[in-house]
Amino acid sequence: MPGLRSSPEQVHQRALRQFSVEEITEGFAAARGLALPSQLRRMLKAQGRDLHAEFTRLLPTRPQPIPIQRWSARRVGLLGLVAALVVAIGAPIGTWTLNNDVAVKTPLGTPLQVHNLDCARLEPLWLMAQSVPSASLVPCVQSRLPGWTVANVAVNDGRSVITFDHDRAGAAAVVMRLAAAACETNGTAERPSQVPGVRRFERVERLAGAFTATWYDRFLGGCVSYRLHSTTDPTGQFANEAPQLLGFTTREQLRQALAQRSHGQLQLDPAAAR
């Protein structure tokens, strides 16, 4: 990799064109080390290099560990900086840039670039839990029904959005939102829920050539709404499948898993934080 001939000093000087020393220091404190591909990690090890230590030695003060914060434009920029530094060392300087404006200004929030939201995949679920600290439950994909795929997952401060595509119902056939605010359930009918502590409500609309259904799952500290809209399925054939896509994991389970994975160094924001 040509980028192995780059130096932390070069990357640091380029970073100073866009960020202050304080922002770079905070970026390293928030990242807790560098995520490197295994091949690059082996090559650096063969050279006897400790990339993280080389970077932090360039800073006037050693980064102090900080707790995970809620999402903001500044936080996304700082975390993006760390990713940019890693990529710049692993590839020729100047061949990669971070388009942070896209990440911050995306209407649904910051895209996570993941298409797998299984309930056992913790990383995106931690970010969703951070986006709505009051939510006692966090949605995840419990069923891989034929035809359904996770098209996008996005988060911002106060909301997370999951978009599902379907091979026949169409792109963005279901859009799910997790929020702290109570769902507006006027005009809905309450339906049985299989999840303890969750109340489910449903609204169905049949228009000429289209079918729309909206579900609301209300629980302590949050609400999940998900809406199915299809012009290729006017009879609502897929309406029975959409509610089966989602399951839940508890915030407490995510908190314990994060503390265990980080050996107590990382914690989710307190559930009452807003």
Protein backbone atom coordinates (compact mmCIF):
# COMPACT_ATOMS: atom_id res chain seq x y z
CA MET A 1 0.00 0.00 0.00
CA PRO A 2 1.60 3.31 -1.06
CA GLY A 3 -0.03 5.00 1.93
CA LEU A 4 2.25 3.06 4.28
CA ARG A 5 4.99 5.45 3.21
CA SER A 6 2.95 8.39 4.55
CA SER A 7 3.64 9.71 8.01
CA PRO A 8 1.32 10.78 10.84
CA GLU A 9 2.99 14.19 10.67
CA GLN A 10 1.81 14.66 7.05
CA VAL A 11 -1.75 13.63 7.86
CA HIS A 12 -1.78 15.76 11.01
CA GLN A 13 -0.69 18.85 9.09
CA ARG A 14 -3.44 18.30 6.51
CA ALA A 15 -6.01 17.85 9.27
CA LEU A 16 -4.99 21.17 10.83
CA ARG A 17 -6.19 22.91 7.66
CA GLN A 18 -9.76 21.95 8.54
CA PHE A 19 -9.80 21.34 12.32
CA SER A 20 -8.32 22.89 15.42
CA VAL A 21 -5.95 21.01 17.72
CA GLU A 22 -8.74 20.77 20.30
CA GLU A 23 -11.12 19.21 17.78
CA ILE A 24 -8.53 16.65 16.65
CA THR A 25 -7.80 15.76 20.28
CA GLU A 26 -11.50 15.30 21.00
CA GLY A 27 -11.88 13.16 17.87
CA PHE A 28 -9.25 10.73 19.12
CA ALA A 29 -10.76 10.73 22.61
CA ALA A 30 -14.17 9.82 21.17
CA ALA A 31 -12.84 7.10 18.85
CA ARG A 32 -10.97 4.99 21.46
CA GLY A 33 -8.32 3.83 19.01
CA LEU A 34 -8.24 3.17 15.28
CA ALA A 35 -10.25 0.59 13.32
CA LEU A 36 -7.92 -0.93 10.73
CA PRO A 37 -8.40 -3.66 8.09
CA SER A 38 -6.62 -6.84 9.12
CA GLN A 39 -4.21 -6.71 6.15
CA LEU A 40 -3.16 -3.15 6.95
CA ARG A 41 -2.86 -4.02 10.64
CA ARG A 42 -0.47 -6.90 9.80
CA MET A 43 1.63 -4.69 7.54
CA LEU A 44 1.91 -1.98 10.20
CA LYS A 45 2.82 -4.58 12.80
CA ALA A 46 5.53 -5.90 10.51
CA GLN A 47 6.95 -2.37 10.40
CA GLY A 48 6.80 -2.16 14.19
CA ARG A 49 4.43 0.84 14.10
CA ASP A 50 1.81 1.83 16.67
CA LEU A 51 -0.33 4.16 14.58
CA HIS A 52 -2.53 5.39 17.39
CA ALA A 53 0.46 6.19 19.62
CA GLU A 54 2.22 8.00 16.76
CA PHE A 55 -0.79 10.25 16.24
CA THR A 56 -1.43 11.00 19.90
CA ARG A 57 2.24 11.93 20.45
CA LEU A 58 1.69 14.82 18.01
CA LEU A 59 -1.01 16.32 20.25
CA PRO A 60 -0.11 18.78 23.00
CA THR A 61 -2.11 16.81 25.57
CA ARG A 62 -3.04 13.13 25.68
CA PRO A 63 -6.74 12.57 24.75
CA GLN A 64 -8.83 11.81 27.81
CA PRO A 65 -11.59 9.16 27.42
CA ILE A 66 -15.03 10.69 27.12
CA PRO A 67 -18.48 9.03 27.17
CA ILE A 68 -20.41 8.49 23.95
CA GLN A 69 -22.32 11.66 23.05
CA ARG A 70 -25.58 12.22 21.25
CA TRP A 71 -25.34 12.90 17.54
CA SER A 72 -24.62 16.43 16.32
CA ALA A 73 -22.99 17.94 13.24
CA ARG A 74 -19.81 18.62 15.23
CA ARG A 75 -19.69 15.08 16.63
CA VAL A 76 -20.11 13.53 13.19
CA GLY A 77 -17.33 15.73 11.86
CA LEU A 78 -14.94 14.74 14.63
CA LEU A 79 -15.57 11.03 14.25
CA GLY A 80 -15.27 11.44 10.50
CA LEU A 81 -11.87 13.02 11.03
CA VAL A 82 -10.57 9.90 12.75
CA ALA A 83 -11.83 7.76 9.88
CA ALA A 84 -10.17 10.15 7.41
CA LEU A 85 -6.84 9.87 9.22
CA VAL A 86 -6.97 6.07 9.15
CA VAL A 87 -7.82 5.97 5.45
CA ALA A 88 -5.17 8.55 4.63
CA ILE A 89 -2.50 6.33 6.20
CA GLY A 90 -3.86 3.22 4.45
CA ALA A 91 -4.08 4.92 1.02
CA PRO A 92 -2.20 7.67 -0.83
CA ILE A 93 -2.86 11.10 0.69
CA GLY A 94 -5.25 13.09 -1.43
CA THR A 95 -7.14 10.16 -2.95
CA TRP A 96 -9.96 10.16 -0.39
CA THR A 97 -12.03 12.94 1.16
CA LEU A 98 -14.81 12.91 3.72
CA ASN A 99 -18.00 14.49 2.42
CA ASN A 100 -19.35 15.44 5.83
CA ASP A 101 -21.95 17.81 4.35
CA VAL A 102 -23.79 14.82 2.89
CA ALA A 103 -23.74 12.99 6.23
CA VAL A 104 -25.05 15.94 8.22
CA LYS A 105 -27.59 17.28 5.75
CA THR A 106 -29.27 14.02 4.74
CA PRO A 107 -32.99 14.59 5.54
CA LEU A 108 -33.40 11.28 7.38
CA GLY A 109 -30.22 11.75 9.43
CA THR A 110 -26.66 10.46 9.25
CA PRO A 111 -26.55 7.29 7.09
CA LEU A 112 -24.73 4.39 8.77
CA GLN A 113 -23.99 2.56 5.49
CA VAL A 114 -25.29 -0.73 6.90
CA HIS A 115 -27.80 -3.12 5.36
CA ASN A 116 -27.97 -5.62 8.18
CA LEU A 117 -29.82 -4.70 11.35
CA ASP A 118 -30.08 -8.11 12.99
CA CYS A 119 -30.87 -7.99 16.69
CA ALA A 120 -27.45 -9.54 17.41
CA ARG A 121 -25.52 -6.88 15.47
CA LEU A 122 -24.85 -4.40 18.23
CA GLU A 123 -22.91 -1.53 16.64
CA PRO A 124 -25.80 0.15 14.74
CA LEU A 125 -28.17 -0.58 17.63
CA TRP A 126 -25.87 1.32 20.01
CA LEU A 127 -26.02 4.33 17.69
CA MET A 128 -29.79 4.13 17.50
CA ALA A 129 -29.98 3.91 21.30
CA GLN A 130 -27.82 7.04 21.52
CA SER A 131 -30.10 8.91 19.14
CA VAL A 132 -33.12 8.45 21.45
CA PRO A 133 -31.74 8.10 25.01
CA SER A 134 -35.20 7.97 26.58
CA ALA A 135 -36.33 4.87 24.62
CA SER A 136 -36.44 1.75 26.77
CA LEU A 137 -36.54 -0.42 23.62
CA VAL A 138 -34.60 -0.23 20.35
CA PRO A 139 -35.99 -1.84 17.16
CA CYS A 140 -34.02 -4.40 15.20
CA VAL A 141 -34.74 -6.84 12.37
CA GLN A 142 -35.91 -10.14 13.80
CA SER A 143 -37.16 -11.79 10.61
CA ARG A 144 -35.65 -12.11 7.15
CA LEU A 145 -38.82 -12.58 5.15
CA PRO A 146 -38.30 -13.31 1.44
CA GLY A 147 -38.19 -10.17 -0.68
CA TRP A 148 -37.45 -7.71 2.15
CA THR A 149 -34.08 -5.97 2.51
CA VAL A 150 -32.76 -3.17 4.72
CA ALA A 151 -32.02 -0.35 2.28
CA ASN A 152 -30.78 2.29 4.71
CA VAL A 153 -30.31 3.07 8.40
CA ALA A 154 -29.90 6.70 9.46
CA VAL A 155 -29.63 8.38 12.86
CA ASN A 156 -29.60 11.89 14.26
CA ASP A 157 -30.24 13.53 17.62
CA GLY A 158 -33.76 12.48 18.58
CA ARG A 159 -34.63 10.06 15.78
CA SER A 160 -33.54 6.94 13.90
CA VAL A 161 -34.93 5.82 10.56
CA ILE A 162 -34.83 2.39 8.89
CA THR A 163 -35.89 2.04 5.26
CA PHE A 164 -36.91 -1.32 3.79
CA ASP A 165 -37.10 -2.24 0.11
CA HIS A 166 -39.24 -5.07 -1.26
CA ASP A 167 -38.71 -6.85 -4.56
CA ARG A 168 -42.39 -6.50 -5.46
CA ALA A 169 -43.82 -3.80 -3.20
CA GLY A 170 -41.03 -1.46 -4.36
CA ALA A 171 -38.21 0.70 -3.05
CA ALA A 172 -38.76 2.29 0.37
CA ALA A 173 -41.89 0.16 0.73
CA VAL A 174 -41.63 0.51 4.53
CA VAL A 175 -40.10 3.44 6.40
CA MET A 176 -39.69 3.00 10.16
CA ARG A 177 -38.97 5.81 12.64
CA LEU A 178 -37.87 5.58 16.26
CA ALA A 179 -38.56 8.75 18.26
CA ALA A 180 -38.97 9.88 21.85
CA ALA A 181 -42.23 11.73 21.25
CA ALA A 182 -45.48 9.86 21.77
CA CYS A 183 -47.05 8.66 18.52
CA GLU A 184 -50.24 10.32 17.34
CA THR A 185 -52.67 7.40 17.28
CA ASN A 186 -55.92 9.22 16.48
CA GLY A 187 -57.95 7.26 13.96
CA THR A 188 -56.13 4.00 14.65
CA ALA A 189 -57.28 0.65 15.99
CA GLU A 190 -55.33 -1.09 18.75
CA ARG A 191 -54.00 -4.52 17.82
CA PRO A 192 -52.47 -7.32 19.92
CA SER A 193 -48.75 -7.01 20.56
CA GLN A 194 -46.39 -9.93 21.09
CA VAL A 195 -43.85 -7.78 22.94
CA PRO A 196 -44.36 -7.14 26.69
CA GLY A 197 -44.69 -3.45 27.44
CA VAL A 198 -45.55 -2.51 23.85
CA ARG A 199 -48.95 -1.29 22.68
CA ARG A 200 -49.57 -1.56 18.94
CA PHE A 201 -51.94 0.60 16.89
CA GLU A 202 -52.83 0.34 13.19
CA ARG A 203 -54.28 2.60 10.52
CA VAL A 204 -55.12 1.33 7.00
CA GLU A 205 -55.87 3.49 3.95
CA ARG A 206 -57.03 2.11 0.63
CA LEU A 207 -56.87 4.53 -2.27
CA ALA A 208 -57.33 3.93 -5.98
CA GLY A 209 -54.34 1.90 -7.14
CA ALA A 210 -52.46 2.11 -3.83
CA PHE A 211 -52.41 0.63 -0.36
CA THR A 212 -51.08 2.35 2.75
CA ALA A 213 -50.88 1.04 6.32
CA THR A 214 -49.26 2.62 9.36
CA TRP A 215 -48.39 0.92 12.63
CA TYR A 216 -47.38 2.53 15.92
CA ASP A 217 -45.59 0.64 18.70
CA ARG A 218 -45.70 2.66 21.92
CA PHE A 219 -43.51 1.83 24.93
CA LEU A 220 -41.77 3.52 27.83
CA GLY A 221 -39.80 6.53 26.62
CA GLY A 222 -40.37 6.12 22.92
CA CYS A 223 -42.45 5.12 19.94
CA VAL A 224 -41.76 3.28 16.69
CA SER A 225 -43.90 4.14 13.69
CA TYR A 226 -43.62 2.28 10.43
CA ARG A 227 -45.54 2.91 7.25
CA LEU A 228 -46.12 0.62 4.28
CA HIS A 229 -46.98 2.27 0.98
CA SER A 230 -47.25 0.41 -2.30
CA THR A 231 -48.79 1.09 -5.70
CA THR A 232 -47.95 -2.43 -6.90
CA ASP A 233 -49.95 -4.10 -4.13
CA PRO A 234 -53.33 -2.30 -3.92
CA THR A 235 -54.90 -5.19 -1.98
CA GLY A 236 -52.39 -4.97 0.87
CA GLN A 237 -50.91 -8.44 0.47
CA PHE A 238 -47.68 -7.39 2.19
CA ALA A 239 -49.37 -5.66 5.11
CA ASN A 240 -49.30 -8.88 7.10
CA GLU A 241 -45.56 -9.21 6.59
CA ALA A 242 -44.40 -5.69 7.47
CA PRO A 243 -45.06 -5.88 11.25
CA GLN A 244 -43.17 -9.19 11.38
CA LEU A 245 -39.93 -7.56 10.23
CA LEU A 246 -39.19 -5.78 13.48
CA GLY A 247 -38.27 -7.03 16.91
CA PHE A 248 -36.86 -5.19 19.92
CA THR A 249 -33.87 -5.30 22.19
CA THR A 250 -33.86 -3.45 25.48
CA ARG A 251 -31.71 -0.43 26.19
CA GLU A 252 -30.46 -2.17 29.31
CA GLN A 253 -29.20 -5.13 27.27
CA LEU A 254 -27.39 -2.76 24.92
CA ARG A 255 -25.91 -0.84 27.86
CA GLN A 256 -24.56 -4.00 29.45
CA ALA A 257 -23.13 -5.26 26.15
CA LEU A 258 -21.36 -1.95 25.48
CA ALA A 259 -19.85 -1.84 28.97
CA GLN A 260 -18.65 -5.42 28.61
CA ARG A 261 -17.24 -4.94 25.10
CA SER A 262 -15.36 -1.77 26.11
CA HIS A 263 -14.28 -3.11 29.51
CA GLY A 264 -16.28 -0.37 31.21
CA GLN A 265 -14.73 2.51 29.23
CA LEU A 266 -17.85 3.35 27.21
CA GLN A 267 -21.38 4.00 28.43
CA LEU A 268 -24.63 4.92 26.73
CA ASP A 269 -26.05 8.30 27.68
CA PRO A 270 -28.34 8.10 30.73
CA ALA A 271 -31.85 7.05 29.75
CA ALA A 272 -33.31 10.29 31.09
CA ALA A 273 -30.94 12.49 29.06
CA ARG A 274 -32.42 14.86 26.50
